[in-house]
Structure formats: structure tokens, C-alpha cells
Amino acid sequence: DNGEPVPQSSGAKVKVEVVDVNDCKPVFRNSVMEVKIGEAALIGDLVTTLTSIDQDVGQNAAVTYSFLSGDVTFFTLDAATGIVRVNTDLDYETQQQYSIRVQATDGKFFDEA
């Protein structure tokens, strides 16, 4: 450089990754679900599968389901899959319909149907 300062520099790439935060609530596809099942249904038979959509991604979109109230003793619910099954004998002459309130939650937000 013959005694004269030579500008020196170095470069680097910076990668910025934007990650999802849990800012969307799960939403049931239908706020009212009507299902018909025969009184001859066996314990363990499928009644329905609850479905909801959460616009978050990854773990923030993981939804669990639960019964809130109603005729819950007649049915079981798999919290992870939303699968509802018959839990006891159903008798049309004793009870013609059942009503259950359900909830979907992602751990922060929830929806009810």
C-alpha cells in the first residue's frame, strides 16, 4: 500500500427467519353438527369426527377437543383426533336425541360448538 491507507471491508449475509406465533384461534368447520345414528349402534362405534381449522403452523396449530356439557356420558371423545364414539347402549324409546357442547383449543384460543 506504499504507506497509503487502503480501505478494507468484509461482507456477510444475514438470514432473517420469521417464525409463527400463536395468534389464530381454531374454528369449527360447522357451528352446529347434526349426526344420525341407529339405536343398534355398538359401544365403540364411530359417531362423528370433530374438525376445526387453525391458521397457525406447527405446534401453534395443534388442536385438542373436549366435551363441555350435555349428554356426555353416552359418548367418548378422543381429545387429539376429535373422534366421537358411542359409550353406552342407545335406546330410541328412552331418548331420541342427544345434545353435547364441544370445544376446540390450541392452548391459547378456543372455539365452541
N, C-alpha and C. Protein backbone atom coordinates (compact mmCIF):
# COMPACT_ATOMS: atom_id res chain seq x y z
N ASP A 1 0.81 -1.19 0.00
CA ASP A 1 0.00 0.00 0.00
C ASP A 1 0.86 1.26 0.00
N ASN A 2 2.15 1.14 -0.02
CA ASN A 2 3.09 2.26 -0.11
C ASN A 2 2.80 3.36 0.91
N GLY A 3 2.39 2.99 2.09
CA GLY A 3 2.14 3.95 3.15
C GLY A 3 0.81 4.64 3.04
N GLU A 4 0.08 4.34 2.03
CA GLU A 4 -1.24 4.95 1.91
C GLU A 4 -2.29 3.96 2.42
N PRO A 5 -3.21 4.45 3.24
CA PRO A 5 -4.24 3.53 3.75
C PRO A 5 -5.13 3.03 2.62
N VAL A 6 -5.39 1.76 2.67
CA VAL A 6 -6.27 1.13 1.69
C VAL A 6 -7.54 0.71 2.41
N PRO A 7 -8.66 1.19 1.95
CA PRO A 7 -9.91 0.78 2.61
C PRO A 7 -10.06 -0.74 2.55
N GLN A 8 -10.47 -1.30 3.66
CA GLN A 8 -10.70 -2.74 3.73
C GLN A 8 -12.12 -2.97 4.21
N SER A 9 -12.70 -4.00 3.70
CA SER A 9 -14.06 -4.33 4.13
C SER A 9 -14.27 -5.82 4.03
N SER A 10 -15.32 -6.24 4.64
CA SER A 10 -15.71 -7.65 4.61
C SER A 10 -17.23 -7.69 4.51
N GLY A 11 -17.75 -8.70 3.91
CA GLY A 11 -19.21 -8.82 3.77
C GLY A 11 -19.72 -10.10 4.41
N ALA A 12 -20.96 -10.06 4.75
CA ALA A 12 -21.62 -11.25 5.30
C ALA A 12 -23.09 -11.20 4.93
N LYS A 13 -23.68 -12.35 4.76
CA LYS A 13 -25.11 -12.42 4.52
C LYS A 13 -25.83 -12.59 5.85
N VAL A 14 -26.94 -11.93 5.98
CA VAL A 14 -27.75 -12.06 7.18
C VAL A 14 -29.07 -12.72 6.77
N LYS A 15 -29.38 -13.82 7.37
CA LYS A 15 -30.64 -14.52 7.09
C LYS A 15 -31.58 -14.27 8.26
N VAL A 16 -32.73 -13.71 7.97
CA VAL A 16 -33.74 -13.44 8.99
C VAL A 16 -34.92 -14.36 8.73
N GLU A 17 -35.25 -15.16 9.71
CA GLU A 17 -36.37 -16.09 9.59
C GLU A 17 -37.51 -15.61 10.49
N VAL A 18 -38.67 -15.45 9.92
CA VAL A 18 -39.84 -15.05 10.67
C VAL A 18 -40.56 -16.32 11.11
N VAL A 19 -40.83 -16.45 12.40
CA VAL A 19 -41.49 -17.65 12.92
C VAL A 19 -42.91 -17.32 13.36
N ASP A 20 -43.75 -18.32 13.28
CA ASP A 20 -45.16 -18.16 13.64
C ASP A 20 -45.32 -18.02 15.15
N VAL A 21 -46.26 -17.18 15.54
CA VAL A 21 -46.69 -17.11 16.93
C VAL A 21 -48.15 -17.56 16.97
N ASN A 22 -48.59 -17.98 18.11
CA ASN A 22 -49.96 -18.47 18.25
C ASN A 22 -50.91 -17.27 18.31
N ASP A 23 -51.36 -16.82 17.14
CA ASP A 23 -52.22 -15.64 17.10
C ASP A 23 -53.55 -15.90 16.39
N CYS A 24 -53.81 -17.15 16.04
CA CYS A 24 -55.08 -17.51 15.39
C CYS A 24 -55.80 -18.56 16.24
N LYS A 25 -57.12 -18.42 16.30
CA LYS A 25 -57.89 -19.39 17.09
C LYS A 25 -58.39 -20.51 16.19
N PRO A 26 -58.58 -21.70 16.77
CA PRO A 26 -59.20 -22.76 15.98
C PRO A 26 -60.67 -22.43 15.74
N VAL A 27 -61.18 -22.81 14.59
CA VAL A 27 -62.56 -22.53 14.24
C VAL A 27 -63.19 -23.83 13.73
N PHE A 28 -64.32 -24.21 14.33
CA PHE A 28 -65.03 -25.40 13.85
C PHE A 28 -65.53 -25.16 12.44
N ARG A 29 -65.48 -26.18 11.61
CA ARG A 29 -66.00 -26.07 10.24
C ARG A 29 -67.49 -25.78 10.26
N ASN A 30 -68.19 -26.36 11.24
CA ASN A 30 -69.64 -26.15 11.39
C ASN A 30 -69.92 -25.81 12.84
N SER A 31 -70.69 -24.76 13.07
CA SER A 31 -71.01 -24.39 14.45
C SER A 31 -72.10 -25.30 15.02
N VAL A 32 -72.86 -25.93 14.15
CA VAL A 32 -73.86 -26.92 14.57
C VAL A 32 -73.63 -28.18 13.74
N MET A 33 -73.50 -29.31 14.42
CA MET A 33 -73.32 -30.58 13.73
C MET A 33 -74.49 -31.48 14.07
N GLU A 34 -75.09 -32.05 13.05
CA GLU A 34 -76.18 -33.00 13.26
C GLU A 34 -75.77 -34.35 12.70
N VAL A 35 -75.89 -35.36 13.54
CA VAL A 35 -75.48 -36.71 13.17
C VAL A 35 -76.63 -37.65 13.47
N LYS A 36 -76.86 -38.59 12.59
CA LYS A 36 -77.87 -39.63 12.84
C LYS A 36 -77.16 -40.94 13.07
N ILE A 37 -77.61 -41.68 14.08
CA ILE A 37 -77.03 -42.98 14.39
C ILE A 37 -78.15 -43.90 14.85
N GLY A 38 -78.12 -45.13 14.43
CA GLY A 38 -79.17 -46.08 14.79
C GLY A 38 -79.05 -46.53 16.24
N GLU A 39 -80.18 -46.92 16.82
CA GLU A 39 -80.14 -47.38 18.21
C GLU A 39 -79.43 -48.72 18.35
N ALA A 40 -79.18 -49.39 17.23
CA ALA A 40 -78.44 -50.65 17.27
C ALA A 40 -76.93 -50.44 17.28
N ALA A 41 -76.50 -49.18 17.33
CA ALA A 41 -75.06 -48.89 17.35
C ALA A 41 -74.41 -49.57 18.55
N LEU A 42 -73.22 -50.08 18.32
CA LEU A 42 -72.49 -50.77 19.37
C LEU A 42 -71.55 -49.81 20.10
N ILE A 43 -71.23 -50.15 21.32
CA ILE A 43 -70.26 -49.36 22.07
C ILE A 43 -68.95 -49.35 21.28
N GLY A 44 -68.40 -48.18 21.07
CA GLY A 44 -67.18 -48.03 20.29
C GLY A 44 -67.41 -47.63 18.85
N ASP A 45 -68.67 -47.70 18.38
CA ASP A 45 -68.97 -47.30 17.00
C ASP A 45 -68.71 -45.80 16.82
N LEU A 46 -68.26 -45.45 15.63
CA LEU A 46 -67.99 -44.06 15.29
C LEU A 46 -69.29 -43.27 15.17
N VAL A 47 -69.34 -42.11 15.82
CA VAL A 47 -70.48 -41.21 15.71
C VAL A 47 -70.14 -40.10 14.72
N THR A 48 -69.02 -39.43 14.93
CA THR A 48 -68.56 -38.35 14.04
C THR A 48 -67.12 -38.01 14.39
N THR A 49 -66.51 -37.20 13.56
CA THR A 49 -65.19 -36.66 13.85
C THR A 49 -65.28 -35.13 13.84
N LEU A 50 -64.95 -34.52 14.96
CA LEU A 50 -64.94 -33.06 15.07
C LEU A 50 -63.77 -32.53 14.25
N THR A 51 -64.00 -31.48 13.50
CA THR A 51 -62.91 -30.87 12.73
C THR A 51 -62.92 -29.37 12.91
N SER A 52 -61.74 -28.83 13.05
CA SER A 52 -61.58 -27.38 13.14
C SER A 52 -60.34 -26.97 12.37
N ILE A 53 -60.25 -25.71 12.06
CA ILE A 53 -59.11 -25.18 11.32
C ILE A 53 -58.44 -24.11 12.18
N ASP A 54 -57.12 -24.19 12.28
CA ASP A 54 -56.31 -23.18 12.96
C ASP A 54 -55.28 -22.69 11.96
N GLN A 55 -55.29 -21.41 11.63
CA GLN A 55 -54.43 -20.86 10.59
C GLN A 55 -52.96 -20.75 11.00
N ASP A 56 -52.64 -21.03 12.26
CA ASP A 56 -51.24 -21.04 12.68
C ASP A 56 -50.55 -22.25 12.05
N VAL A 57 -49.25 -22.37 12.26
CA VAL A 57 -48.50 -23.51 11.73
C VAL A 57 -47.77 -24.23 12.86
N GLY A 58 -47.40 -25.47 12.58
CA GLY A 58 -46.64 -26.27 13.54
C GLY A 58 -47.41 -26.50 14.83
N GLN A 59 -46.69 -26.45 15.93
CA GLN A 59 -47.28 -26.71 17.24
C GLN A 59 -48.37 -25.69 17.59
N ASN A 60 -48.28 -24.50 17.06
CA ASN A 60 -49.29 -23.47 17.33
C ASN A 60 -50.64 -23.82 16.72
N ALA A 61 -50.65 -24.73 15.77
CA ALA A 61 -51.89 -25.14 15.11
C ALA A 61 -52.44 -26.45 15.69
N ALA A 62 -51.75 -27.03 16.65
CA ALA A 62 -52.20 -28.29 17.26
C ALA A 62 -53.47 -28.02 18.08
N VAL A 63 -54.52 -28.74 17.77
CA VAL A 63 -55.82 -28.53 18.41
C VAL A 63 -56.20 -29.76 19.22
N THR A 64 -56.76 -29.53 20.40
CA THR A 64 -57.33 -30.62 21.19
C THR A 64 -58.81 -30.32 21.41
N TYR A 65 -59.57 -31.40 21.57
CA TYR A 65 -61.03 -31.30 21.68
C TYR A 65 -61.48 -31.79 23.04
N SER A 66 -62.61 -31.23 23.50
CA SER A 66 -63.18 -31.68 24.77
C SER A 66 -64.69 -31.46 24.77
N PHE A 67 -65.37 -32.27 25.59
CA PHE A 67 -66.79 -32.07 25.84
C PHE A 67 -66.91 -30.98 26.90
N LEU A 68 -67.86 -30.07 26.72
CA LEU A 68 -68.10 -29.03 27.72
C LEU A 68 -69.30 -29.35 28.59
N SER A 69 -70.39 -29.80 27.95
CA SER A 69 -71.61 -30.08 28.70
C SER A 69 -72.56 -30.89 27.84
N GLY A 70 -73.65 -31.30 28.44
CA GLY A 70 -74.67 -32.05 27.71
C GLY A 70 -74.65 -33.53 28.05
N ASP A 71 -75.11 -34.33 27.10
CA ASP A 71 -75.24 -35.78 27.28
C ASP A 71 -73.91 -36.49 27.06
N VAL A 72 -72.88 -36.08 27.78
CA VAL A 72 -71.52 -36.56 27.54
C VAL A 72 -71.27 -37.99 27.99
N THR A 73 -72.07 -38.52 28.90
CA THR A 73 -71.81 -39.88 29.39
C THR A 73 -72.15 -40.94 28.34
N PHE A 74 -72.89 -40.57 27.32
CA PHE A 74 -73.27 -41.53 26.29
C PHE A 74 -72.20 -41.70 25.22
N PHE A 75 -71.20 -40.83 25.23
CA PHE A 75 -70.21 -40.81 24.17
C PHE A 75 -68.81 -40.60 24.73
N THR A 76 -67.79 -41.01 23.96
CA THR A 76 -66.40 -40.73 24.31
C THR A 76 -65.82 -39.82 23.23
N LEU A 77 -64.79 -39.10 23.60
CA LEU A 77 -64.14 -38.18 22.67
C LEU A 77 -62.64 -38.35 22.79
N ASP A 78 -61.99 -38.61 21.66
CA ASP A 78 -60.53 -38.64 21.62
C ASP A 78 -60.06 -37.20 21.46
N ALA A 79 -59.40 -36.67 22.48
CA ALA A 79 -59.02 -35.26 22.51
C ALA A 79 -58.09 -34.87 21.36
N ALA A 80 -57.24 -35.78 20.93
CA ALA A 80 -56.27 -35.46 19.88
C ALA A 80 -56.86 -35.52 18.48
N THR A 81 -57.78 -36.47 18.25
CA THR A 81 -58.29 -36.67 16.89
C THR A 81 -59.68 -36.08 16.66
N GLY A 82 -60.41 -35.82 17.74
CA GLY A 82 -61.78 -35.33 17.61
C GLY A 82 -62.79 -36.41 17.32
N ILE A 83 -62.38 -37.66 17.39
CA ILE A 83 -63.29 -38.78 17.10
C ILE A 83 -64.24 -38.99 18.28
N VAL A 84 -65.54 -39.00 17.96
CA VAL A 84 -66.59 -39.24 18.96
C VAL A 84 -67.13 -40.64 18.71
N ARG A 85 -67.23 -41.43 19.78
CA ARG A 85 -67.72 -42.80 19.69
C ARG A 85 -68.83 -43.05 20.71
N VAL A 86 -69.64 -44.07 20.42
CA VAL A 86 -70.71 -44.49 21.34
C VAL A 86 -70.06 -45.08 22.59
N ASN A 87 -70.57 -44.69 23.76
CA ASN A 87 -70.02 -45.15 25.03
C ASN A 87 -70.97 -46.07 25.80
N THR A 88 -72.22 -46.13 25.38
CA THR A 88 -73.21 -46.95 26.08
C THR A 88 -74.32 -47.31 25.10
N ASP A 89 -75.18 -48.23 25.49
CA ASP A 89 -76.30 -48.61 24.63
C ASP A 89 -77.22 -47.40 24.43
N LEU A 90 -77.67 -47.22 23.20
CA LEU A 90 -78.61 -46.16 22.87
C LEU A 90 -79.98 -46.77 22.65
N ASP A 91 -81.02 -46.22 23.26
CA ASP A 91 -82.37 -46.77 23.15
C ASP A 91 -83.31 -45.66 22.69
N TYR A 92 -83.83 -45.80 21.49
CA TYR A 92 -84.70 -44.79 20.90
C TYR A 92 -85.93 -44.53 21.77
N GLU A 93 -86.49 -45.59 22.35
CA GLU A 93 -87.70 -45.44 23.17
C GLU A 93 -87.43 -44.65 24.45
N THR A 94 -86.20 -44.64 24.91
CA THR A 94 -85.83 -43.91 26.12
C THR A 94 -85.41 -42.47 25.82
N GLN A 95 -84.61 -42.29 24.79
CA GLN A 95 -84.12 -40.96 24.43
C GLN A 95 -83.88 -40.91 22.93
N GLN A 96 -84.54 -39.95 22.26
CA GLN A 96 -84.46 -39.87 20.81
C GLN A 96 -83.33 -38.96 20.29
N GLN A 97 -82.85 -38.07 21.11
CA GLN A 97 -81.73 -37.23 20.66
C GLN A 97 -80.85 -36.83 21.83
N TYR A 98 -79.63 -36.47 21.49
CA TYR A 98 -78.62 -36.09 22.48
C TYR A 98 -78.02 -34.76 22.05
N SER A 99 -77.62 -33.99 23.02
CA SER A 99 -77.02 -32.69 22.74
C SER A 99 -75.73 -32.56 23.55
N ILE A 100 -74.67 -32.14 22.87
CA ILE A 100 -73.36 -32.00 23.53
C ILE A 100 -72.72 -30.70 23.06
N ARG A 101 -72.18 -29.93 24.00
CA ARG A 101 -71.36 -28.76 23.67
C ARG A 101 -69.90 -29.22 23.64
N VAL A 102 -69.19 -28.83 22.60
CA VAL A 102 -67.79 -29.24 22.45
C VAL A 102 -66.90 -28.02 22.29
N GLN A 103 -65.61 -28.22 22.56
CA GLN A 103 -64.65 -27.14 22.46
C GLN A 103 -63.41 -27.62 21.72
N ALA A 104 -62.84 -26.74 20.90
CA ALA A 104 -61.54 -26.96 20.27
C ALA A 104 -60.61 -25.87 20.80
N THR A 105 -59.42 -26.26 21.23
CA THR A 105 -58.47 -25.27 21.75
C THR A 105 -57.07 -25.56 21.23
N ASP A 106 -56.30 -24.49 21.04
CA ASP A 106 -54.90 -24.64 20.65
C ASP A 106 -53.97 -24.31 21.82
N GLY A 107 -54.54 -24.26 23.00
CA GLY A 107 -53.76 -23.96 24.21
C GLY A 107 -53.82 -22.49 24.61
N LYS A 108 -54.22 -21.63 23.67
CA LYS A 108 -54.35 -20.20 23.97
C LYS A 108 -55.75 -19.70 23.62
N PHE A 109 -56.22 -20.09 22.45
CA PHE A 109 -57.53 -19.68 21.97
C PHE A 109 -58.45 -20.89 21.86
N PHE A 110 -59.78 -20.65 21.79
CA PHE A 110 -60.70 -21.76 21.66
C PHE A 110 -61.93 -21.36 20.86
N ASP A 111 -62.66 -22.38 20.42
CA ASP A 111 -63.94 -22.20 19.76
C ASP A 111 -64.88 -23.24 20.35
N GLU A 112 -66.17 -22.92 20.38
CA GLU A 112 -67.17 -23.85 20.90
C GLU A 112 -68.24 -24.10 19.87
N ALA A 113 -68.82 -25.29 19.94
CA ALA A 113 -69.93 -25.63 19.05
C ALA A 113 -70.91 -26.50 19.83
